[in-house]
Amino acid sequence: MITINKHYKKLQTSYLFVDIARRVSEYQRQNPDKHVIKLGIGDVTKPLPPACIKAFHQAVDEMADEKTFRGYGPEKGYSFLRELVALHDFKALGAPISADEIFISDGAKCDTSNFQELFGSDNFVAIPDPVYPVYLDTTIMAGRTGILYEGRYGGVSYLEATKENNFIPALPEGRVDLIYLCFPNNPTGATISKKQLAEWVAFAHENKALILFDAAYEAFIRDKDIPHSIYEIDGAREVAVEFRSFSKSGGFTGTRCAYTVVPSTCRAFNLDGEEVFLHQYWNRRQSTKFNGVSYPVQKAATALYSIEGKRQAKELVDYYMNNAQIIRQEMTSLGYDCTGGDNSPYIWIDGKSDSWEFFDMLLNKAGVVCTPGAGFGHCGEGYIRLSAFNSLANVTEAMERIKAAL
């Protein structure tokens, strides 16, 4: 008899953004003439940079010519992209990362969840609250949690991020093995200092734990004192894996390209307590289960590191950060406390009410879609998240509508 994975039954009925889409669809059905402005999901609206489009077209032309056609590529990604990543994203920061330690993938979302495959089901996972839902949902799917009780799952160490701690959780008090961190944070927009991040690295060393560090939004950092990579911290190579994405910084949400960094010295332990290195395990996993990102997509990503590509990508980031500044200023002027929007494209707003009620109010009175904070965890209740990923015209109109509704 074929049976399903019993742990899927522990999941809440639907994924957060599916719930949002359902409510928006119902609203649009009832209000077909209303222009809905979506500031909820973190999907970009501006097209790929011209340098990327040019490289994309050239690569497609190569695929049409027998002399330059390429079949299966290397599972880790083409060296021409990995070498640029290592040089510009890490060595330029003084972070000792080599091209061989970089794995090109089709999304940070996939890698942050797939990386759990390397570890035994008895590993204890620490997850921030509020949090990007994928970390928790995939932990549940992997069988590492108990049942849901009063909004939280047993067997998980929840790292509470609240206004009182500036949305930077304290170190765990008990045993944890696998730690998810995301900075700049999704959903709160909070950032972490080098000193604070160094405390997490030291904790991981002392407790033989591993940090899964999601840096998908590092391109939006404006403050020079905020670290862009965990590998700017001494000792991080041994205790951290980092995930990056071209989705937001380069507009690759529909094109799919990202990468994961697994240093050759990053360690875990076997059942005998002996040290093993994760690079070889992740390489084995990828070579078995992943055929790599397409050649044209990787060539397009490579263009982001050209002089033109860097300038065009910066223009994209600046465009969205201008939107973020407008949202934060307007919501602050309305009397709401906000986090993010300065070094992050997300603005985390204390709605002073039930999250879903606030969501419904903005949708029904203003035709604006936000993300209810409760969907990100127990500590997200009372908050909403607004995203800067839309056009300037739509953001400006959305804020006028919100002011009228409030």
Protein backbone atom coordinates (compact mmCIF):
# COMPACT_ATOMS: atom_id res chain seq x y z
CA MET A 1 0.00 0.00 0.00
CA ILE A 2 1.40 3.37 -1.01
CA THR A 3 1.26 5.87 1.85
CA ILE A 4 1.90 9.59 1.99
CA ASN A 5 4.48 11.43 4.05
CA LYS A 6 2.58 11.77 7.33
CA HIS A 7 4.37 15.00 8.20
CA TYR A 8 2.54 16.87 5.43
CA LYS A 9 -0.62 16.51 7.52
CA LYS A 10 0.99 18.72 10.17
CA LEU A 11 1.18 21.65 7.76
CA GLN A 12 -1.38 24.40 8.01
CA THR A 13 -4.01 24.17 5.31
CA SER A 14 -2.24 26.31 2.71
CA TYR A 15 0.87 28.32 2.02
CA LEU A 16 0.61 31.96 3.16
CA PHE A 17 0.79 33.47 -0.30
CA VAL A 18 -1.79 31.03 -1.63
CA ASP A 19 -4.18 32.30 1.04
CA ILE A 20 -3.47 35.87 0.02
CA ALA A 21 -3.97 35.10 -3.67
CA ARG A 22 -7.33 33.48 -2.90
CA ARG A 23 -8.60 36.54 -1.02
CA VAL A 24 -7.36 38.91 -3.71
CA SER A 25 -8.96 36.81 -6.43
CA GLU A 26 -12.30 36.91 -4.62
CA TYR A 27 -12.04 40.68 -4.19
CA GLN A 28 -11.27 41.14 -7.89
CA ARG A 29 -14.19 38.91 -8.84
CA GLN A 30 -16.51 41.14 -6.81
CA ASN A 31 -14.81 44.38 -7.95
CA PRO A 32 -13.84 43.78 -11.59
CA ASP A 33 -13.32 47.48 -12.33
CA LYS A 34 -11.04 48.13 -9.34
CA HIS A 35 -7.30 48.39 -9.99
CA VAL A 36 -5.66 46.33 -7.27
CA ILE A 37 -2.15 47.40 -6.26
CA LYS A 38 -0.06 44.54 -4.92
CA LEU A 39 2.52 45.43 -2.28
CA GLY A 40 2.44 41.97 -0.74
CA ILE A 41 4.54 39.31 -2.41
CA GLY A 42 8.18 40.16 -3.08
CA ASP A 43 8.06 39.83 -6.87
CA VAL A 44 9.86 42.44 -8.96
CA THR A 45 8.10 44.50 -11.62
CA LYS A 46 10.98 46.04 -13.61
CA PRO A 47 12.41 44.05 -16.55
CA LEU A 48 15.82 42.44 -16.68
CA PRO A 49 18.72 44.87 -17.13
CA PRO A 50 19.61 45.50 -20.80
CA ALA A 51 23.07 43.97 -20.29
CA CYS A 52 21.43 40.73 -19.18
CA ILE A 53 19.00 40.73 -22.10
CA LYS A 54 21.88 41.21 -24.53
CA ALA A 55 23.84 38.33 -22.98
CA PHE A 56 20.71 36.18 -22.91
CA HIS A 57 20.10 36.71 -26.65
CA GLN A 58 23.72 35.98 -27.48
CA ALA A 59 23.62 32.75 -25.48
CA VAL A 60 20.39 31.66 -27.17
CA ASP A 61 22.02 32.29 -30.56
CA GLU A 62 24.93 30.10 -29.45
CA MET A 63 22.46 27.33 -28.65
CA ALA A 64 21.16 27.59 -32.23
CA ASP A 65 24.58 26.97 -33.74
CA GLU A 66 26.05 23.48 -33.83
CA LYS A 67 29.54 24.89 -33.25
CA THR A 68 28.60 26.64 -30.02
CA PHE A 69 25.68 24.53 -28.82
CA ARG A 70 25.95 23.23 -25.25
CA GLY A 71 24.22 20.28 -23.64
CA TYR A 72 24.34 19.40 -19.97
CA GLY A 73 26.34 21.90 -17.99
CA PRO A 74 28.28 21.32 -14.75
CA GLU A 75 25.98 20.79 -11.76
CA LYS A 76 27.86 23.40 -9.74
CA GLY A 77 27.45 25.97 -12.52
CA TYR A 78 29.76 27.25 -15.21
CA SER A 79 33.11 28.46 -13.95
CA PHE A 80 32.74 31.76 -15.83
CA LEU A 81 29.90 32.72 -13.46
CA ARG A 82 31.26 31.15 -10.27
CA GLU A 83 34.59 32.94 -10.64
CA LEU A 84 32.87 36.31 -11.00
CA VAL A 85 30.68 35.62 -7.97
CA ALA A 86 33.70 34.75 -5.83
CA LEU A 87 35.62 37.83 -6.97
CA HIS A 88 32.91 40.49 -6.78
CA ASP A 89 30.59 39.23 -4.03
CA PHE A 90 33.15 37.90 -1.56
CA LYS A 91 36.80 38.64 -2.20
CA ALA A 92 35.90 42.30 -2.72
CA LEU A 93 34.58 42.25 0.87
CA GLY A 94 37.66 40.51 2.19
CA ALA A 95 35.68 37.28 2.55
CA PRO A 96 37.82 34.21 1.71
CA ILE A 97 35.49 32.36 -0.69
CA SER A 98 36.70 30.57 -3.83
CA ALA A 99 34.83 29.73 -7.03
CA ASP A 100 34.93 26.03 -6.16
CA GLU A 101 32.85 26.73 -3.04
CA ILE A 102 29.97 28.26 -5.02
CA PHE A 103 27.01 26.26 -6.37
CA ILE A 104 24.79 27.97 -8.94
CA SER A 105 21.12 27.05 -8.52
CA ASP A 106 17.62 27.95 -9.65
CA GLY A 107 16.64 29.73 -6.45
CA ALA A 108 17.51 30.39 -2.83
CA LYS A 109 14.05 29.12 -1.88
CA CYS A 110 14.95 25.69 -3.24
CA ASP A 111 18.38 25.56 -1.65
CA THR A 112 17.38 26.75 1.82
CA SER A 113 14.90 23.88 1.96
CA ASN A 114 16.90 21.23 0.08
CA PHE A 115 19.94 21.70 2.29
CA GLN A 116 18.10 19.96 5.12
CA GLU A 117 18.48 16.69 3.21
CA LEU A 118 22.07 16.46 4.40
CA PHE A 119 21.10 16.08 8.06
CA GLY A 120 19.49 13.46 10.26
CA SER A 121 15.87 13.84 11.31
CA ASP A 122 16.87 14.14 14.97
CA ASN A 123 18.65 17.47 14.44
CA PHE A 124 17.01 20.26 16.43
CA VAL A 125 16.19 23.30 14.30
CA ALA A 126 16.11 26.94 15.44
CA ILE A 127 13.91 29.22 13.34
CA PRO A 128 13.24 32.95 13.81
CA ASP A 129 9.70 34.15 14.50
CA PRO A 130 8.49 35.94 12.41
CA VAL A 131 10.07 34.11 9.49
CA TYR A 132 9.94 33.42 5.78
CA PRO A 133 7.48 30.46 5.76
CA VAL A 134 9.68 28.13 3.69
CA TYR A 135 12.14 27.53 6.55
CA LEU A 136 9.46 26.27 8.89
CA ASP A 137 7.29 24.45 6.35
CA THR A 138 10.18 22.41 4.98
CA THR A 139 11.32 21.59 8.50
CA ILE A 140 7.85 20.19 9.10
CA MET A 141 7.90 18.26 5.83
CA ALA A 142 11.23 16.72 6.81
CA GLY A 143 9.72 15.32 10.02
CA ARG A 144 11.72 17.46 12.43
CA THR A 145 8.77 18.92 14.34
CA GLY A 146 5.96 17.86 16.58
CA ILE A 147 2.33 18.86 16.09
CA LEU A 148 0.94 22.38 15.90
CA TYR A 149 -0.29 23.65 19.27
CA GLU A 150 -1.47 27.21 19.93
CA GLY A 151 0.23 28.50 16.82
CA ARG A 152 3.60 26.76 17.25
CA TYR A 153 5.09 23.38 16.46
CA GLY A 154 6.73 21.15 19.01
CA GLY A 155 10.36 20.25 18.48
CA VAL A 156 11.33 23.68 17.13
CA SER A 157 13.35 26.37 18.88
CA TYR A 158 11.58 29.62 18.05
CA LEU A 159 13.88 32.63 18.01
CA GLU A 160 11.58 35.51 18.86
CA ALA A 161 12.22 38.75 16.98
CA THR A 162 10.22 41.57 18.52
CA LYS A 163 10.17 45.34 18.79
CA GLU A 164 11.89 44.99 22.17
CA ASN A 165 15.00 43.35 20.66
CA ASN A 166 14.90 45.40 17.44
CA PHE A 167 13.78 42.24 15.60
CA ILE A 168 17.14 40.56 16.15
CA PRO A 169 16.55 37.36 18.16
CA ALA A 170 18.65 36.41 21.14
CA LEU A 171 20.91 33.37 21.08
CA PRO A 172 19.14 30.09 21.91
CA GLU A 173 19.29 29.02 25.54
CA GLY A 174 19.09 25.29 24.92
CA ARG A 175 20.49 22.83 22.42
CA VAL A 176 20.06 23.57 18.71
CA ASP A 177 21.83 21.99 15.75
CA LEU A 178 20.60 23.84 12.68
CA ILE A 179 19.97 27.60 12.77
CA TYR A 180 18.16 29.63 10.11
CA LEU A 181 19.09 33.33 9.96
CA CYS A 182 18.09 35.91 7.34
CA PHE A 183 19.57 39.42 7.13
CA PRO A 184 18.46 41.86 5.86
CA ASN A 185 15.46 40.10 7.24
CA ASN A 186 12.38 38.92 5.46
CA PRO A 187 9.78 39.93 6.63
CA THR A 188 10.89 42.54 9.21
CA GLY A 189 13.53 44.38 7.17
CA ALA A 190 15.82 44.35 10.21
CA THR A 191 19.60 44.21 9.80
CA ILE A 192 22.36 42.80 11.96
CA SER A 193 25.73 44.30 12.89
CA LYS A 194 29.06 42.53 12.52
CA LYS A 195 29.37 42.31 16.30
CA GLN A 196 25.95 40.68 16.65
CA LEU A 197 26.61 38.28 13.77
CA ALA A 198 29.95 37.35 15.32
CA GLU A 199 28.05 36.24 18.45
CA TRP A 200 26.05 33.79 16.32
CA VAL A 201 29.21 32.45 14.70
CA ALA A 202 30.79 31.96 18.12
CA PHE A 203 27.63 30.21 19.36
CA ALA A 204 27.72 27.82 16.41
CA HIS A 205 31.35 26.95 17.16
CA GLU A 206 30.70 26.40 20.86
CA ASN A 207 27.62 24.24 20.27
CA LYS A 208 28.75 22.38 17.15
CA ALA A 209 25.80 23.88 15.29
CA LEU A 210 25.40 25.05 11.69
CA ILE A 211 24.01 28.39 10.49
CA LEU A 212 21.97 28.52 7.27
CA PHE A 213 22.38 32.20 6.41
CA ASP A 214 19.94 33.67 3.88
CA ALA A 215 21.47 36.82 2.37
CA ALA A 216 19.05 37.17 -0.54
CA TYR A 217 18.56 40.90 0.16
CA GLU A 218 22.16 41.97 0.77
CA ALA A 219 22.17 44.18 -2.37
CA PHE A 220 19.72 46.53 -0.65
CA ILE A 221 22.07 47.35 2.23
CA ARG A 222 22.96 51.06 2.35
CA ASP A 223 24.76 51.30 5.70
CA LYS A 224 28.48 50.62 5.22
CA ASP A 225 28.77 49.11 8.69
CA ILE A 226 26.26 46.33 7.99
CA PRO A 227 27.80 43.04 6.76
CA HIS A 228 26.76 41.81 3.33
CA SER A 229 27.98 38.27 4.00
CA ILE A 230 28.42 36.10 7.06
CA TYR A 231 31.89 35.29 5.74
CA GLU A 232 32.98 38.78 6.71
CA ILE A 233 33.04 37.29 10.21
CA ASP A 234 36.12 35.36 11.33
CA GLY A 235 35.37 31.66 11.80
CA ALA A 236 32.19 31.65 9.73
CA ARG A 237 33.67 29.38 7.06
CA GLU A 238 33.53 26.45 9.46
CA VAL A 239 29.97 26.95 10.72
CA ALA A 240 27.88 28.65 8.03
CA VAL A 241 26.35 28.09 4.61
CA GLU A 242 25.18 31.20 2.75
CA PHE A 243 22.36 31.56 0.22
CA ARG A 244 22.21 34.35 -2.36
CA SER A 245 19.86 35.21 -5.20
CA PHE A 246 19.77 37.29 -8.37
CA SER A 247 15.98 37.45 -8.16
CA LYS A 248 15.54 40.84 -6.51
CA SER A 249 18.87 42.53 -7.25
CA GLY A 250 18.88 41.55 -10.94
CA GLY A 251 15.21 40.97 -11.68
CA PHE A 252 15.61 37.20 -12.10
CA THR A 253 12.40 36.12 -10.33
CA GLY A 254 11.01 34.71 -13.58
CA THR A 255 14.36 33.61 -14.95
CA ARG A 256 15.57 31.71 -11.87
CA CYS A 257 19.19 32.00 -10.88
CA ALA A 258 20.83 32.01 -7.47
CA TYR A 259 23.72 30.40 -5.68
CA THR A 260 24.74 28.74 -2.44
CA VAL A 261 28.14 28.98 -0.79
CA VAL A 262 29.46 25.89 0.99
CA PRO A 263 33.04 26.47 2.13
CA SER A 264 35.40 23.50 1.90
CA THR A 265 36.00 23.81 5.67
CA CYS A 266 32.32 23.93 6.66
CA ARG A 267 31.76 20.97 8.99
CA ALA A 268 29.15 18.73 10.52
CA PHE A 269 29.55 15.47 12.43
CA ASN A 270 28.79 11.81 11.81
CA LEU A 271 27.12 9.52 14.34
CA ASP A 272 30.49 8.75 15.90
CA GLY A 273 31.09 12.44 16.53
CA GLU A 274 33.77 12.66 13.87
CA GLU A 275 34.02 15.84 11.82
CA VAL A 276 32.89 15.65 8.18
CA PHE A 277 32.81 18.39 5.54
CA LEU A 278 29.55 19.52 3.99
CA HIS A 279 31.00 20.64 0.68
CA GLN A 280 31.37 17.09 -0.55
CA TYR A 281 27.88 16.12 0.68
CA TRP A 282 26.17 19.06 -1.03
CA ASN A 283 28.17 18.39 -4.17
CA ARG A 284 26.97 14.78 -4.08
CA ARG A 285 23.39 15.85 -3.56
CA GLN A 286 23.46 18.36 -6.41
CA SER A 287 25.18 16.03 -8.85
CA THR A 288 22.52 13.41 -8.15
CA LYS A 289 19.38 15.56 -8.03
CA PHE A 290 20.13 18.69 -10.00
CA ASN A 291 21.12 19.17 -13.64
CA GLY A 292 22.14 22.78 -13.30
CA VAL A 293 20.84 26.15 -14.42
CA SER A 294 20.56 26.65 -18.18
CA TYR A 295 23.49 28.11 -20.09
CA PRO A 296 21.58 31.21 -21.37
CA VAL A 297 20.42 32.06 -17.84
CA GLN A 298 23.94 31.77 -16.43
CA LYS A 299 25.30 33.95 -19.23
CA ALA A 300 22.63 36.54 -18.42
CA ALA A 301 23.61 36.43 -14.74
CA THR A 302 27.25 36.86 -15.70
CA ALA A 303 26.35 40.17 -17.36
CA LEU A 304 25.37 41.55 -13.93
CA TYR A 305 29.09 41.71 -13.13
CA SER A 306 29.99 43.78 -16.19
CA ILE A 307 30.41 47.54 -15.86
CA GLU A 308 27.07 48.12 -17.58
CA GLY A 309 25.38 45.32 -15.67
CA LYS A 310 26.53 46.62 -12.30
CA ARG A 311 25.28 50.11 -13.12
CA GLN A 312 21.93 48.84 -14.39
CA ALA A 313 21.43 46.50 -11.41
CA LYS A 314 22.21 49.38 -9.04
CA GLU A 315 19.58 51.46 -10.81
CA LEU A 316 17.05 48.69 -10.21
CA VAL A 317 17.91 48.44 -6.53
CA ASP A 318 17.85 52.23 -6.14
CA TYR A 319 14.45 52.36 -7.82
CA TYR A 320 12.93 49.90 -5.37
CA MET A 321 14.65 51.52 -2.40
CA ASN A 322 13.13 54.87 -3.38
CA ASN A 323 9.74 53.13 -3.27
CA ALA A 324 10.63 51.71 0.15
CA GLN A 325 11.53 55.15 1.46
CA ILE A 326 8.20 56.56 0.27
CA ILE A 327 6.26 53.75 1.94
CA ARG A 328 8.12 54.11 5.22
CA GLN A 329 7.79 57.90 5.29
CA GLU A 330 4.08 57.81 4.53
CA MET A 331 3.27 55.10 7.07
CA THR A 332 5.37 56.85 9.72
CA SER A 333 3.54 60.12 9.03
CA LEU A 334 0.28 58.26 9.66
CA GLY A 335 1.54 57.33 13.13
CA TYR A 336 2.66 53.75 12.51
CA ASP A 337 5.95 52.35 13.80
CA CYS A 338 8.04 50.90 10.96
CA THR A 339 11.14 48.77 10.55
CA GLY A 340 12.97 48.21 7.27
CA GLY A 341 12.79 50.32 4.15
CA ASP A 342 16.25 51.78 4.79
CA ASN A 343 18.48 48.74 4.18
CA SER A 344 15.74 46.42 2.97
CA PRO A 345 12.95 46.50 0.35
CA TYR A 346 10.43 45.42 2.99
CA ILE A 347 8.67 47.67 5.48
CA TRP A 348 7.41 45.98 8.65
CA ILE A 349 4.54 47.98 10.11
CA ASP A 350 2.92 47.76 13.53
CA GLY A 351 -0.72 47.77 12.46
CA LYS A 352 -2.02 48.02 16.04
CA SER A 353 -4.67 45.44 15.20
CA ASP A 354 -5.22 41.86 14.03
CA SER A 355 -2.99 41.23 10.99
CA TRP A 356 -5.64 39.63 8.78
CA GLU A 357 -8.20 42.28 9.73
CA PHE A 358 -5.73 44.96 8.66
CA PHE A 359 -5.09 43.02 5.44
CA ASP A 360 -8.82 42.83 4.68
CA MET A 361 -9.32 46.50 5.51
CA LEU A 362 -6.56 47.63 3.12
CA LEU A 363 -7.84 45.33 0.40
CA ASN A 364 -11.49 46.26 0.71
CA LYS A 365 -11.13 49.98 1.42
CA ALA A 366 -8.00 50.81 -0.55
CA GLY A 367 -7.60 48.01 -3.07
CA VAL A 368 -4.04 47.51 -1.79
CA VAL A 369 -2.54 44.10 -1.02
CA CYS A 370 -0.15 43.75 1.92
CA THR A 371 1.11 40.64 3.70
CA PRO A 372 -0.36 39.94 7.16
CA GLY A 373 2.37 39.50 9.74
CA ALA A 374 0.58 36.59 11.40
CA GLY A 375 1.38 34.54 8.32
CA PHE A 376 5.06 34.76 9.24
CA GLY A 377 4.64 33.42 12.76
CA HIS A 378 3.30 34.03 16.26
CA CYS A 379 5.42 37.16 16.75
CA GLY A 380 4.14 38.62 13.49
CA GLU A 381 0.63 39.05 14.82
CA GLY A 382 -0.38 42.71 14.82
CA TYR A 383 2.00 43.60 11.98
CA ILE A 384 1.79 43.83 8.22
CA ARG A 385 4.54 43.81 5.59
CA LEU A 386 4.57 46.13 2.60
CA SER A 387 6.89 45.43 -0.31
CA ALA A 388 8.68 48.05 -2.41
CA PHE A 389 8.59 45.81 -5.48
CA ASN A 390 6.21 47.73 -7.72
CA SER A 391 6.23 50.78 -9.96
CA LEU A 392 6.74 54.23 -8.50
CA ALA A 393 3.34 55.26 -9.86
CA ASN A 394 1.61 52.33 -8.16
CA VAL A 395 3.44 52.88 -4.87
CA THR A 396 2.49 56.57 -4.88
CA GLU A 397 -1.15 55.77 -5.66
CA ALA A 398 -1.21 52.99 -3.06
CA MET A 399 -0.03 55.35 -0.34
CA GLU A 400 -2.68 57.92 -1.31
CA ARG A 401 -5.33 55.21 -1.09
CA ILE A 402 -4.01 53.98 2.25
CA LYS A 403 -4.05 57.50 3.68
CA ALA A 404 -7.66 57.90 2.58
CA ALA A 405 -8.63 54.53 4.04
CA LEU A 406 -6.96 55.18 7.38
